[in-house]
Amino acid sequence: MNCANTEGIFRIIQSIPSQKAEPFKQWLAQVGYERVKEIENPELAQKRMKEIYKAKGYSDDWIEKRVRGIAIRDEKRGVLEERDYAILTAEISKATFGLTPTEYKKFKNLPKQSKANLKGHMNDLELIFTMLGERMTTELSQEEKPETFDKSKDIAKRGGKVAGNARLDAEKELGRPVTTRQNYLSITEKKKKLQDESKKRKK
């Protein structure tokens, strides 16, 4: 584990002659076959993603918002370098919620070593306002066609501000913040605790 990455470990498994490694080899072959089919038909990849989220306990409504959010994100990314994309995403998030993604993860008490996607820990409203900020940024970019990164940053701030103002209006009507410290980890832990308590009562 200290000298090989995931790809390297898979290569090691493939080279093991023991029959005990055969189930792993069959699994790798199955996964490879599925990825090839997804290249031929991208809709299969989306279906697989939905099934994974479903297995993790997310609701159908949340999953649909997440899938739509990914589509909007990909439109925004375009040909941007990964670093530039991360900077623009941070600008949108800060204008929308007053928090950069890094600050947001800390706010939600996500482990520092966790590589989990922040959006996987957002509730419906948080996802909606995130999507609004990203969609507005995409629309403004398509309209104005910024020629420099500084202009793109300005558009990201403006797109995020639209979502930020909408969030403030929603919070005024709701009488509570849209942002929440609750994350997927705490939700699953709560479910597990309730399930354990239910099992104890049945015994």
N, C-alpha and C. Protein backbone atom coordinates (compact mmCIF):
# COMPACT_ATOMS: atom_id res chain seq x y z
N MET A 1 0.83 -1.21 0.00
CA MET A 1 0.00 0.00 0.00
C MET A 1 0.87 1.26 0.00
N ASN A 2 2.11 1.15 0.55
CA ASN A 2 2.98 2.31 0.64
C ASN A 2 3.83 2.52 -0.60
N CYS A 3 3.84 1.54 -1.50
CA CYS A 3 4.71 1.65 -2.68
C CYS A 3 3.96 1.46 -4.00
N ALA A 4 2.64 1.39 -3.96
CA ALA A 4 1.87 1.21 -5.20
C ALA A 4 0.55 1.96 -5.12
N ASN A 5 0.15 2.56 -6.25
CA ASN A 5 -1.16 3.20 -6.29
C ASN A 5 -2.21 2.18 -6.68
N THR A 6 -3.46 2.61 -6.85
CA THR A 6 -4.54 1.68 -7.15
C THR A 6 -4.28 0.92 -8.45
N GLU A 7 -3.82 1.64 -9.48
CA GLU A 7 -3.54 0.99 -10.75
C GLU A 7 -2.44 -0.07 -10.60
N GLY A 8 -1.40 0.29 -9.82
CA GLY A 8 -0.30 -0.65 -9.61
C GLY A 8 -0.75 -1.90 -8.88
N ILE A 9 -1.62 -1.74 -7.89
CA ILE A 9 -2.14 -2.89 -7.13
C ILE A 9 -2.94 -3.81 -8.05
N PHE A 10 -3.75 -3.22 -8.94
CA PHE A 10 -4.50 -4.04 -9.89
C PHE A 10 -3.57 -4.83 -10.80
N ARG A 11 -2.47 -4.20 -11.24
CA ARG A 11 -1.51 -4.89 -12.09
C ARG A 11 -0.87 -6.06 -11.34
N ILE A 12 -0.59 -5.84 -10.04
CA ILE A 12 0.00 -6.90 -9.21
C ILE A 12 -0.96 -8.08 -9.10
N ILE A 13 -2.25 -7.76 -8.86
CA ILE A 13 -3.26 -8.82 -8.74
C ILE A 13 -3.33 -9.63 -10.04
N GLN A 14 -3.27 -8.94 -11.18
CA GLN A 14 -3.35 -9.63 -12.47
C GLN A 14 -2.18 -10.59 -12.68
N SER A 15 -1.03 -10.28 -12.06
CA SER A 15 0.17 -11.10 -12.27
C SER A 15 0.27 -12.29 -11.31
N ILE A 16 -0.60 -12.35 -10.31
CA ILE A 16 -0.55 -13.43 -9.31
C ILE A 16 -1.08 -14.73 -9.93
N PRO A 17 -0.30 -15.81 -9.94
CA PRO A 17 -0.73 -17.07 -10.57
C PRO A 17 -1.69 -17.89 -9.71
N SER A 18 -1.83 -17.55 -8.42
CA SER A 18 -2.66 -18.34 -7.51
C SER A 18 -4.14 -18.32 -7.90
N GLN A 19 -4.81 -19.45 -7.67
CA GLN A 19 -6.24 -19.56 -7.92
C GLN A 19 -7.04 -18.63 -7.00
N LYS A 20 -6.46 -18.31 -5.84
CA LYS A 20 -7.14 -17.43 -4.89
C LYS A 20 -7.33 -16.02 -5.47
N ALA A 21 -6.50 -15.66 -6.44
CA ALA A 21 -6.60 -14.33 -7.05
C ALA A 21 -7.61 -14.30 -8.19
N GLU A 22 -8.09 -15.49 -8.59
CA GLU A 22 -8.97 -15.58 -9.74
C GLU A 22 -10.25 -14.75 -9.60
N PRO A 23 -10.93 -14.74 -8.41
CA PRO A 23 -12.13 -13.91 -8.27
C PRO A 23 -11.85 -12.42 -8.52
N PHE A 24 -10.68 -11.95 -8.06
CA PHE A 24 -10.32 -10.56 -8.27
C PHE A 24 -10.09 -10.28 -9.76
N LYS A 25 -9.43 -11.25 -10.43
CA LYS A 25 -9.18 -11.10 -11.87
C LYS A 25 -10.49 -11.06 -12.65
N GLN A 26 -11.44 -11.90 -12.25
CA GLN A 26 -12.74 -11.91 -12.92
C GLN A 26 -13.48 -10.59 -12.70
N TRP A 27 -13.35 -10.06 -11.47
CA TRP A 27 -13.98 -8.77 -11.16
C TRP A 27 -13.37 -7.65 -12.01
N LEU A 28 -12.03 -7.65 -12.15
CA LEU A 28 -11.36 -6.65 -12.97
C LEU A 28 -11.80 -6.75 -14.43
N ALA A 29 -11.94 -7.97 -14.92
CA ALA A 29 -12.39 -8.18 -16.29
C ALA A 29 -13.81 -7.65 -16.48
N GLN A 30 -14.68 -7.88 -15.47
CA GLN A 30 -16.06 -7.41 -15.52
C GLN A 30 -16.12 -5.89 -15.53
N VAL A 31 -15.31 -5.27 -14.66
CA VAL A 31 -15.26 -3.80 -14.60
C VAL A 31 -14.76 -3.23 -15.92
N GLY A 32 -13.72 -3.86 -16.49
CA GLY A 32 -13.20 -3.41 -17.78
C GLY A 32 -14.24 -3.50 -18.87
N TYR A 33 -14.99 -4.60 -18.88
CA TYR A 33 -16.05 -4.80 -19.86
C TYR A 33 -17.12 -3.72 -19.73
N GLU A 34 -17.49 -3.41 -18.46
CA GLU A 34 -18.52 -2.40 -18.22
C GLU A 34 -18.07 -1.02 -18.70
N ARG A 35 -16.78 -0.69 -18.47
CA ARG A 35 -16.28 0.62 -18.91
C ARG A 35 -16.29 0.72 -20.44
N VAL A 36 -15.95 -0.38 -21.11
CA VAL A 36 -15.98 -0.38 -22.58
C VAL A 36 -17.40 -0.14 -23.08
N LYS A 37 -18.38 -0.80 -22.45
CA LYS A 37 -19.78 -0.62 -22.84
C LYS A 37 -20.22 0.83 -22.59
N GLU A 38 -19.69 1.45 -21.53
CA GLU A 38 -20.05 2.84 -21.22
C GLU A 38 -19.45 3.81 -22.23
N ILE A 39 -18.29 3.46 -22.79
CA ILE A 39 -17.70 4.28 -23.84
C ILE A 39 -18.60 4.24 -25.07
N GLU A 40 -19.14 3.06 -25.35
CA GLU A 40 -20.03 2.90 -26.50
C GLU A 40 -21.37 3.59 -26.25
N ASN A 41 -21.83 3.57 -25.00
CA ASN A 41 -23.11 4.17 -24.65
C ASN A 41 -22.96 4.93 -23.32
N PRO A 42 -22.61 6.24 -23.36
CA PRO A 42 -22.37 7.04 -22.15
C PRO A 42 -23.53 7.04 -21.16
N GLU A 43 -24.75 6.78 -21.63
CA GLU A 43 -25.90 6.77 -20.71
C GLU A 43 -25.76 5.68 -19.65
N LEU A 44 -25.03 4.62 -19.99
CA LEU A 44 -24.80 3.54 -19.03
C LEU A 44 -23.97 4.03 -17.85
N ALA A 45 -23.03 4.94 -18.12
CA ALA A 45 -22.18 5.49 -17.05
C ALA A 45 -23.02 6.31 -16.09
N GLN A 46 -23.94 7.09 -16.65
CA GLN A 46 -24.82 7.89 -15.80
C GLN A 46 -25.73 6.99 -14.96
N LYS A 47 -26.21 5.92 -15.58
CA LYS A 47 -27.05 4.97 -14.85
C LYS A 47 -26.28 4.34 -13.70
N ARG A 48 -25.01 3.98 -13.97
CA ARG A 48 -24.18 3.37 -12.92
C ARG A 48 -23.96 4.35 -11.78
N MET A 49 -23.71 5.63 -12.11
CA MET A 49 -23.50 6.64 -11.09
C MET A 49 -24.73 6.77 -10.20
N LYS A 50 -25.92 6.77 -10.82
CA LYS A 50 -27.15 6.87 -10.05
C LYS A 50 -27.32 5.68 -9.11
N GLU A 51 -26.97 4.50 -9.61
CA GLU A 51 -27.09 3.29 -8.79
C GLU A 51 -26.14 3.33 -7.59
N ILE A 52 -24.94 3.88 -7.79
CA ILE A 52 -23.97 3.99 -6.70
C ILE A 52 -24.49 4.93 -5.63
N TYR A 53 -25.01 6.11 -6.05
CA TYR A 53 -25.56 7.07 -5.08
C TYR A 53 -26.76 6.46 -4.36
N LYS A 54 -27.59 5.72 -5.11
CA LYS A 54 -28.77 5.08 -4.52
C LYS A 54 -28.34 4.08 -3.44
N ALA A 55 -27.31 3.30 -3.74
CA ALA A 55 -26.82 2.30 -2.78
C ALA A 55 -26.25 2.96 -1.52
N LYS A 56 -25.79 4.20 -1.67
CA LYS A 56 -25.22 4.92 -0.52
C LYS A 56 -26.31 5.56 0.33
N GLY A 57 -27.55 5.52 -0.16
CA GLY A 57 -28.66 6.03 0.64
C GLY A 57 -29.21 7.38 0.23
N TYR A 58 -28.71 7.93 -0.89
CA TYR A 58 -29.23 9.22 -1.34
C TYR A 58 -30.61 9.04 -1.97
N SER A 59 -31.46 10.09 -1.86
CA SER A 59 -32.81 10.03 -2.42
C SER A 59 -32.76 10.24 -3.93
N ASP A 60 -33.81 9.80 -4.62
CA ASP A 60 -33.89 9.97 -6.07
C ASP A 60 -33.86 11.45 -6.45
N ASP A 61 -34.53 12.28 -5.65
CA ASP A 61 -34.59 13.71 -5.92
C ASP A 61 -33.20 14.32 -5.83
N TRP A 62 -32.45 13.94 -4.79
CA TRP A 62 -31.08 14.45 -4.61
C TRP A 62 -30.20 14.00 -5.77
N ILE A 63 -30.34 12.75 -6.17
CA ILE A 63 -29.51 12.19 -7.25
C ILE A 63 -29.74 12.95 -8.56
N GLU A 64 -30.99 13.26 -8.86
CA GLU A 64 -31.29 13.99 -10.10
C GLU A 64 -30.65 15.37 -10.08
N LYS A 65 -30.70 16.04 -8.93
CA LYS A 65 -30.07 17.36 -8.81
C LYS A 65 -28.56 17.25 -8.98
N ARG A 66 -27.98 16.20 -8.41
CA ARG A 66 -26.53 16.00 -8.50
C ARG A 66 -26.12 15.75 -9.94
N VAL A 67 -26.87 14.93 -10.65
CA VAL A 67 -26.56 14.63 -12.05
C VAL A 67 -26.64 15.89 -12.89
N ARG A 68 -27.68 16.71 -12.66
CA ARG A 68 -27.82 17.96 -13.39
C ARG A 68 -26.68 18.91 -13.05
N GLY A 69 -26.29 18.93 -11.79
CA GLY A 69 -25.19 19.79 -11.37
C GLY A 69 -23.89 19.43 -12.05
N ILE A 70 -23.66 18.14 -12.25
CA ILE A 70 -22.44 17.69 -12.93
C ILE A 70 -22.44 18.16 -14.38
N ALA A 71 -23.60 18.11 -15.02
CA ALA A 71 -23.71 18.56 -16.42
C ALA A 71 -23.39 20.05 -16.52
N ILE A 72 -23.91 20.83 -15.58
CA ILE A 72 -23.65 22.28 -15.56
C ILE A 72 -22.18 22.55 -15.31
N ARG A 73 -21.60 21.82 -14.39
CA ARG A 73 -20.18 21.97 -14.06
C ARG A 73 -19.30 21.70 -15.27
N ASP A 74 -19.62 20.64 -16.01
CA ASP A 74 -18.81 20.29 -17.18
C ASP A 74 -18.90 21.36 -18.27
N GLU A 75 -20.07 21.99 -18.40
CA GLU A 75 -20.21 23.09 -19.36
C GLU A 75 -19.33 24.26 -18.96
N LYS A 76 -19.26 24.52 -17.66
CA LYS A 76 -18.47 25.65 -17.15
C LYS A 76 -16.99 25.39 -17.30
N ARG A 77 -16.58 24.14 -17.11
CA ARG A 77 -15.16 23.81 -17.14
C ARG A 77 -14.55 24.05 -18.52
N GLY A 78 -15.20 23.55 -19.56
CA GLY A 78 -14.72 23.77 -20.91
C GLY A 78 -13.27 23.38 -21.07
N VAL A 79 -12.47 24.30 -21.60
CA VAL A 79 -11.05 24.02 -21.85
C VAL A 79 -10.15 24.62 -20.77
N LEU A 80 -10.71 25.02 -19.65
CA LEU A 80 -9.92 25.61 -18.57
C LEU A 80 -8.94 24.60 -17.98
N GLU A 81 -7.77 25.11 -17.56
CA GLU A 81 -6.83 24.27 -16.83
C GLU A 81 -7.45 23.93 -15.48
N GLU A 82 -7.06 22.80 -14.90
CA GLU A 82 -7.64 22.35 -13.63
C GLU A 82 -7.46 23.40 -12.54
N ARG A 83 -6.29 24.04 -12.48
CA ARG A 83 -6.03 25.06 -11.46
C ARG A 83 -6.96 26.25 -11.64
N ASP A 84 -7.10 26.72 -12.89
CA ASP A 84 -7.98 27.86 -13.16
C ASP A 84 -9.43 27.52 -12.85
N TYR A 85 -9.82 26.30 -13.18
CA TYR A 85 -11.18 25.85 -12.89
C TYR A 85 -11.44 25.87 -11.39
N ALA A 86 -10.46 25.40 -10.61
CA ALA A 86 -10.60 25.37 -9.15
C ALA A 86 -10.74 26.78 -8.59
N ILE A 87 -9.99 27.72 -9.15
CA ILE A 87 -10.05 29.11 -8.68
C ILE A 87 -11.43 29.71 -8.96
N LEU A 88 -11.94 29.47 -10.17
CA LEU A 88 -13.26 30.01 -10.53
C LEU A 88 -14.36 29.36 -9.68
N THR A 89 -14.22 28.06 -9.43
CA THR A 89 -15.19 27.36 -8.58
C THR A 89 -15.20 27.96 -7.17
N ALA A 90 -14.01 28.30 -6.68
CA ALA A 90 -13.90 28.90 -5.35
C ALA A 90 -14.56 30.28 -5.32
N GLU A 91 -14.40 31.04 -6.41
CA GLU A 91 -15.02 32.38 -6.49
C GLU A 91 -16.54 32.27 -6.49
N ILE A 92 -17.07 31.31 -7.23
CA ILE A 92 -18.53 31.11 -7.28
C ILE A 92 -19.05 30.72 -5.90
N SER A 93 -18.35 29.78 -5.27
CA SER A 93 -18.77 29.29 -3.95
C SER A 93 -18.74 30.41 -2.91
N LYS A 94 -17.69 31.22 -2.95
CA LYS A 94 -17.56 32.30 -1.97
C LYS A 94 -18.66 33.33 -2.15
N ALA A 95 -18.98 33.64 -3.42
CA ALA A 95 -20.05 34.61 -3.68
C ALA A 95 -21.43 34.05 -3.35
N THR A 96 -21.58 32.74 -3.48
CA THR A 96 -22.88 32.09 -3.23
C THR A 96 -23.12 31.87 -1.74
N PHE A 97 -22.10 31.33 -1.06
CA PHE A 97 -22.27 30.93 0.35
C PHE A 97 -21.39 31.69 1.34
N GLY A 98 -20.46 32.50 0.82
CA GLY A 98 -19.53 33.18 1.72
C GLY A 98 -18.41 32.26 2.16
N LEU A 99 -18.28 31.11 1.50
CA LEU A 99 -17.27 30.11 1.85
C LEU A 99 -16.64 29.54 0.59
N THR A 100 -15.32 29.38 0.60
CA THR A 100 -14.68 28.65 -0.49
C THR A 100 -14.93 27.16 -0.25
N PRO A 101 -14.73 26.31 -1.26
CA PRO A 101 -14.93 24.87 -1.05
C PRO A 101 -14.12 24.31 0.12
N THR A 102 -12.88 24.77 0.28
CA THR A 102 -12.04 24.30 1.40
C THR A 102 -12.65 24.72 2.73
N GLU A 103 -13.11 25.97 2.82
CA GLU A 103 -13.75 26.46 4.04
C GLU A 103 -15.06 25.74 4.30
N TYR A 104 -15.77 25.43 3.21
CA TYR A 104 -17.06 24.73 3.32
C TYR A 104 -16.86 23.33 3.90
N LYS A 105 -15.82 22.63 3.43
CA LYS A 105 -15.53 21.29 3.94
C LYS A 105 -15.23 21.36 5.44
N LYS A 106 -14.49 22.38 5.84
CA LYS A 106 -14.17 22.55 7.26
C LYS A 106 -15.43 22.85 8.05
N PHE A 107 -16.31 23.67 7.48
CA PHE A 107 -17.59 24.03 8.11
C PHE A 107 -18.44 22.78 8.33
N LYS A 108 -18.39 21.86 7.38
CA LYS A 108 -19.17 20.63 7.48
C LYS A 108 -18.46 19.53 8.26
N ASN A 109 -17.33 19.88 8.86
CA ASN A 109 -16.58 18.92 9.69
C ASN A 109 -16.17 17.66 8.93
N LEU A 110 -15.84 17.82 7.65
CA LEU A 110 -15.35 16.69 6.88
C LEU A 110 -13.89 16.45 7.24
N PRO A 111 -13.48 15.20 7.38
CA PRO A 111 -12.09 14.89 7.74
C PRO A 111 -11.11 15.55 6.78
N LYS A 112 -10.00 16.07 7.31
CA LYS A 112 -9.01 16.75 6.47
C LYS A 112 -8.46 15.82 5.39
N GLN A 113 -8.30 14.55 5.75
CA GLN A 113 -7.74 13.60 4.79
C GLN A 113 -8.77 13.10 3.79
N SER A 114 -10.04 13.49 3.99
CA SER A 114 -11.11 13.02 3.10
C SER A 114 -10.99 13.67 1.73
N LYS A 115 -11.10 12.85 0.67
CA LYS A 115 -11.08 13.35 -0.71
C LYS A 115 -12.49 13.38 -1.29
N ALA A 116 -13.47 13.25 -0.39
CA ALA A 116 -14.86 13.20 -0.85
C ALA A 116 -15.27 14.51 -1.50
N ASN A 117 -16.06 14.43 -2.55
CA ASN A 117 -16.56 15.61 -3.23
C ASN A 117 -17.52 16.35 -2.31
N LEU A 118 -17.30 17.64 -2.14
CA LEU A 118 -18.13 18.45 -1.24
C LEU A 118 -19.61 18.34 -1.57
N LYS A 119 -19.94 18.31 -2.87
CA LYS A 119 -21.35 18.27 -3.28
C LYS A 119 -22.03 16.98 -2.82
N GLY A 120 -21.25 15.93 -2.61
CA GLY A 120 -21.82 14.69 -2.11
C GLY A 120 -22.28 14.80 -0.67
N HIS A 121 -21.93 15.91 -0.01
CA HIS A 121 -22.31 16.13 1.39
C HIS A 121 -23.29 17.30 1.54
N MET A 122 -23.80 17.80 0.42
CA MET A 122 -24.75 18.91 0.46
C MET A 122 -26.18 18.41 0.48
N ASN A 123 -27.08 19.20 1.07
CA ASN A 123 -28.49 18.85 1.01
C ASN A 123 -29.10 19.46 -0.25
N ASP A 124 -30.41 19.29 -0.45
CA ASP A 124 -31.06 19.73 -1.68
C ASP A 124 -30.87 21.23 -1.94
N LEU A 125 -31.12 22.06 -0.91
CA LEU A 125 -31.03 23.51 -1.10
C LEU A 125 -29.60 23.94 -1.41
N GLU A 126 -28.64 23.36 -0.72
CA GLU A 126 -27.24 23.70 -1.00
C GLU A 126 -26.88 23.36 -2.43
N LEU A 127 -27.35 22.22 -2.90
CA LEU A 127 -27.09 21.81 -4.29
C LEU A 127 -27.75 22.77 -5.28
N ILE A 128 -28.99 23.16 -4.98
CA ILE A 128 -29.74 24.04 -5.88
C ILE A 128 -29.03 25.38 -6.05
N PHE A 129 -28.58 25.98 -4.94
CA PHE A 129 -27.92 27.28 -5.05
C PHE A 129 -26.53 27.16 -5.66
N THR A 130 -25.89 26.03 -5.46
CA THR A 130 -24.61 25.77 -6.12
C THR A 130 -24.82 25.71 -7.63
N MET A 131 -25.87 24.98 -8.05
CA MET A 131 -26.19 24.86 -9.47
C MET A 131 -26.53 26.22 -10.07
N LEU A 132 -27.27 27.04 -9.31
CA LEU A 132 -27.66 28.36 -9.82
C LEU A 132 -26.42 29.22 -10.07
N GLY A 133 -25.50 29.22 -9.11
CA GLY A 133 -24.27 30.01 -9.27
C GLY A 133 -23.46 29.55 -10.47
N GLU A 134 -23.35 28.24 -10.64
CA GLU A 134 -22.57 27.70 -11.76
C GLU A 134 -23.27 27.94 -13.10
N ARG A 135 -24.60 27.79 -13.10
CA ARG A 135 -25.35 28.01 -14.34
C ARG A 135 -25.28 29.47 -14.78
N MET A 136 -25.42 30.39 -13.82
CA MET A 136 -25.36 31.82 -14.14
C MET A 136 -23.98 32.18 -14.67
N THR A 137 -22.95 31.60 -14.09
CA THR A 137 -21.58 31.84 -14.56
C THR A 137 -21.41 31.35 -15.99
N THR A 138 -21.96 30.17 -16.28
CA THR A 138 -21.89 29.61 -17.63
C THR A 138 -22.62 30.50 -18.62
N GLU A 139 -23.84 30.95 -18.24
CA GLU A 139 -24.63 31.80 -19.13
C GLU A 139 -23.91 33.12 -19.42
N LEU A 140 -23.34 33.74 -18.37
CA LEU A 140 -22.63 35.01 -18.55
C LEU A 140 -21.39 34.83 -19.42
N SER A 141 -20.71 33.70 -19.22
CA SER A 141 -19.50 33.42 -20.00
C SER A 141 -19.84 33.24 -21.48
N GLN A 142 -20.95 32.56 -21.73
CA GLN A 142 -21.36 32.34 -23.12
C GLN A 142 -21.78 33.64 -23.79
N GLU A 143 -22.38 34.54 -23.00
CA GLU A 143 -22.83 35.82 -23.54
C GLU A 143 -21.65 36.77 -23.78
N GLU A 144 -20.73 36.85 -22.81
CA GLU A 144 -19.67 37.86 -22.86
C GLU A 144 -18.36 37.35 -23.44
N LYS A 145 -18.19 36.03 -23.48
CA LYS A 145 -16.97 35.42 -24.04
C LYS A 145 -15.70 36.10 -23.53
N PRO A 146 -15.42 35.98 -22.23
CA PRO A 146 -14.23 36.63 -21.65
C PRO A 146 -12.94 36.15 -22.30
N GLU A 147 -12.04 37.10 -22.57
CA GLU A 147 -10.78 36.77 -23.25
C GLU A 147 -9.62 36.60 -22.28
N THR A 148 -9.80 37.00 -21.03
CA THR A 148 -8.73 36.86 -20.04
C THR A 148 -9.25 36.15 -18.81
N PHE A 149 -8.32 35.60 -18.03
CA PHE A 149 -8.73 34.88 -16.82
C PHE A 149 -9.33 35.84 -15.79
N ASP A 150 -8.80 37.07 -15.72
CA ASP A 150 -9.34 38.06 -14.78
C ASP A 150 -10.81 38.36 -15.08
N LYS A 151 -11.13 38.42 -16.38
CA LYS A 151 -12.54 38.66 -16.76
C LYS A 151 -13.40 37.46 -16.39
N SER A 152 -12.82 36.25 -16.52
CA SER A 152 -13.55 35.04 -16.13
C SER A 152 -13.81 35.04 -14.63
N LYS A 153 -12.84 35.50 -13.86
CA LYS A 153 -13.01 35.58 -12.40
C LYS A 153 -14.13 36.55 -12.04
N ASP A 154 -14.16 37.67 -12.74
CA ASP A 154 -15.21 38.66 -12.49
C ASP A 154 -16.58 38.07 -12.78
N ILE A 155 -16.69 37.33 -13.88
CA ILE A 155 -17.96 36.69 -14.24
C ILE A 155 -18.34 35.64 -13.20
N ALA A 156 -17.35 34.89 -12.70
CA ALA A 156 -17.62 33.88 -11.66
C ALA A 156 -18.18 34.53 -10.40
N LYS A 157 -17.62 35.67 -10.04
CA LYS A 157 -18.10 36.39 -8.85
C LYS A 157 -19.53 36.89 -9.07
N ARG A 158 -19.80 37.39 -10.27
CA ARG A 158 -21.14 37.89 -10.57
C ARG A 158 -22.16 36.76 -10.62
N GLY A 159 -21.77 35.64 -11.24
CA GLY A 159 -22.67 34.49 -11.29
C GLY A 159 -22.98 33.97 -9.90
N GLY A 160 -21.94 33.90 -9.07
CA GLY A 160 -22.13 33.45 -7.69
C GLY A 160 -22.96 34.43 -6.88
N LYS A 161 -22.82 35.72 -7.18
CA LYS A 161 -23.58 36.74 -6.44
C LYS A 161 -25.08 36.60 -6.68
N VAL A 162 -25.45 36.25 -7.91
CA VAL A 162 -26.88 36.03 -8.22
C VAL A 162 -27.42 34.93 -7.31
N ALA A 163 -26.67 33.83 -7.21
CA ALA A 163 -27.09 32.72 -6.35
C ALA A 163 -27.03 33.12 -4.88
N GLY A 164 -26.02 33.93 -4.52
CA GLY A 164 -25.89 34.39 -3.14
C GLY A 164 -27.07 35.25 -2.71
N ASN A 165 -27.51 36.14 -3.60
CA ASN A 165 -28.67 36.98 -3.28
C ASN A 165 -29.93 36.14 -3.16
N ALA A 166 -30.06 35.14 -4.04
CA ALA A 166 -31.22 34.25 -3.97
C ALA A 166 -31.19 33.45 -2.67
N ARG A 167 -30.00 33.04 -2.25
CA ARG A 167 -29.87 32.30 -0.99
C ARG A 167 -30.31 33.17 0.19
N LEU A 168 -29.88 34.42 0.19
CA LEU A 168 -30.24 35.33 1.28
C LEU A 168 -31.75 35.53 1.35
N ASP A 169 -32.38 35.66 0.18
CA ASP A 169 -33.84 35.80 0.13
C ASP A 169 -34.52 34.54 0.68
N ALA A 170 -33.98 33.38 0.31
CA ALA A 170 -34.55 32.12 0.78
C ALA A 170 -34.41 32.00 2.30
N GLU A 171 -33.25 32.39 2.81
CA GLU A 171 -33.02 32.32 4.26
C GLU A 171 -33.95 33.27 5.02
N LYS A 172 -34.23 34.41 4.42
CA LYS A 172 -35.15 35.37 5.04
C LYS A 172 -36.55 34.78 5.15
N GLU A 173 -36.97 34.10 4.09
CA GLU A 173 -38.30 33.48 4.09
C GLU A 173 -38.35 32.27 5.02
N LEU A 174 -37.28 31.49 5.04
CA LEU A 174 -37.25 30.28 5.87
C LEU A 174 -37.00 30.58 7.34
N GLY A 175 -36.32 31.68 7.59
CA GLY A 175 -35.99 32.01 8.98
C GLY A 175 -34.84 31.16 9.51
N ARG A 176 -34.04 30.61 8.63
CA ARG A 176 -32.89 29.79 9.01
C ARG A 176 -31.87 29.77 7.88
N PRO A 177 -30.61 29.44 8.19
CA PRO A 177 -29.58 29.38 7.15
C PRO A 177 -29.81 28.22 6.18
N VAL A 178 -29.42 28.42 4.95
CA VAL A 178 -29.46 27.34 3.96
C VAL A 178 -28.29 26.40 4.19
N THR A 179 -27.13 26.98 4.49
CA THR A 179 -25.95 26.16 4.74
C THR A 179 -26.11 25.40 6.06
N THR A 180 -25.63 24.18 6.08
CA THR A 180 -25.75 23.35 7.27
C THR A 180 -24.48 22.55 7.49
N ARG A 181 -24.17 22.29 8.75
CA ARG A 181 -22.99 21.49 9.08
C ARG A 181 -23.22 20.01 8.82
N GLN A 182 -24.46 19.65 8.58
CA GLN A 182 -24.78 18.23 8.34
C GLN A 182 -24.09 17.75 7.06
N ASN A 183 -23.52 16.56 7.12
CA ASN A 183 -22.89 15.99 5.93
C ASN A 183 -23.33 14.54 5.78
N TYR A 184 -22.94 13.93 4.67
CA TYR A 184 -23.36 12.55 4.39
C TYR A 184 -22.88 11.59 5.47
N LEU A 185 -21.68 11.84 6.01
CA LEU A 185 -21.14 10.97 7.05
C LEU A 185 -22.03 10.99 8.29
N SER A 186 -22.46 12.20 8.69
CA SER A 186 -23.29 12.31 9.90
C SER A 186 -24.67 11.71 9.66
N ILE A 187 -25.18 11.85 8.42
CA ILE A 187 -26.49 11.29 8.08
C ILE A 187 -26.46 9.76 8.17
N THR A 188 -25.42 9.15 7.58
CA THR A 188 -25.31 7.69 7.59
C THR A 188 -25.06 7.16 9.00
N GLU A 189 -24.30 7.90 9.79
CA GLU A 189 -24.05 7.49 11.18
C GLU A 189 -25.35 7.51 11.98
N LYS A 190 -26.17 8.55 11.73
CA LYS A 190 -27.46 8.66 12.42
C LYS A 190 -28.37 7.51 12.02
N LYS A 191 -28.40 7.18 10.72
CA LYS A 191 -29.23 6.07 10.24
C LYS A 191 -28.79 4.76 10.87
N LYS A 192 -27.47 4.56 10.93
CA LYS A 192 -26.93 3.33 11.50
C LYS A 192 -27.29 3.21 12.98
N LYS A 193 -27.22 4.34 13.69
CA LYS A 193 -27.55 4.35 15.11
C LYS A 193 -29.03 3.98 15.31
N LEU A 194 -29.90 4.55 14.47
CA LEU A 194 -31.33 4.26 14.56
C LEU A 194 -31.61 2.79 14.24
N GLN A 195 -30.90 2.25 13.25
CA GLN A 195 -31.06 0.84 12.87
C GLN A 195 -30.61 -0.08 14.01
N ASP A 196 -29.48 0.27 14.65
CA ASP A 196 -28.96 -0.53 15.75
C ASP A 196 -29.92 -0.51 16.94
N GLU A 197 -30.49 0.68 17.21
CA GLU A 197 -31.43 0.81 18.32
C GLU A 197 -32.70 -0.02 18.03
N SER A 198 -33.13 -0.01 16.76
CA SER A 198 -34.31 -0.76 16.35
C SER A 198 -34.08 -2.27 16.53
N LYS A 199 -32.87 -2.74 16.17
CA LYS A 199 -32.53 -4.16 16.32
C LYS A 199 -32.52 -4.57 17.80
N LYS A 200 -32.00 -3.69 18.66
CA LYS A 200 -31.94 -3.97 20.09
C LYS A 200 -33.34 -4.11 20.68
N ARG A 201 -34.24 -3.20 20.22
CA ARG A 201 -35.62 -3.24 20.74
C ARG A 201 -36.33 -4.54 20.33
N LYS A 202 -36.05 -4.99 19.10
CA LYS A 202 -36.67 -6.25 18.62
C LYS A 202 -36.19 -7.44 19.40
N LYS A 203 -34.92 -7.40 19.83
CA LYS A 203 -34.38 -8.51 20.62
C LYS A 203 -35.03 -8.54 22.01
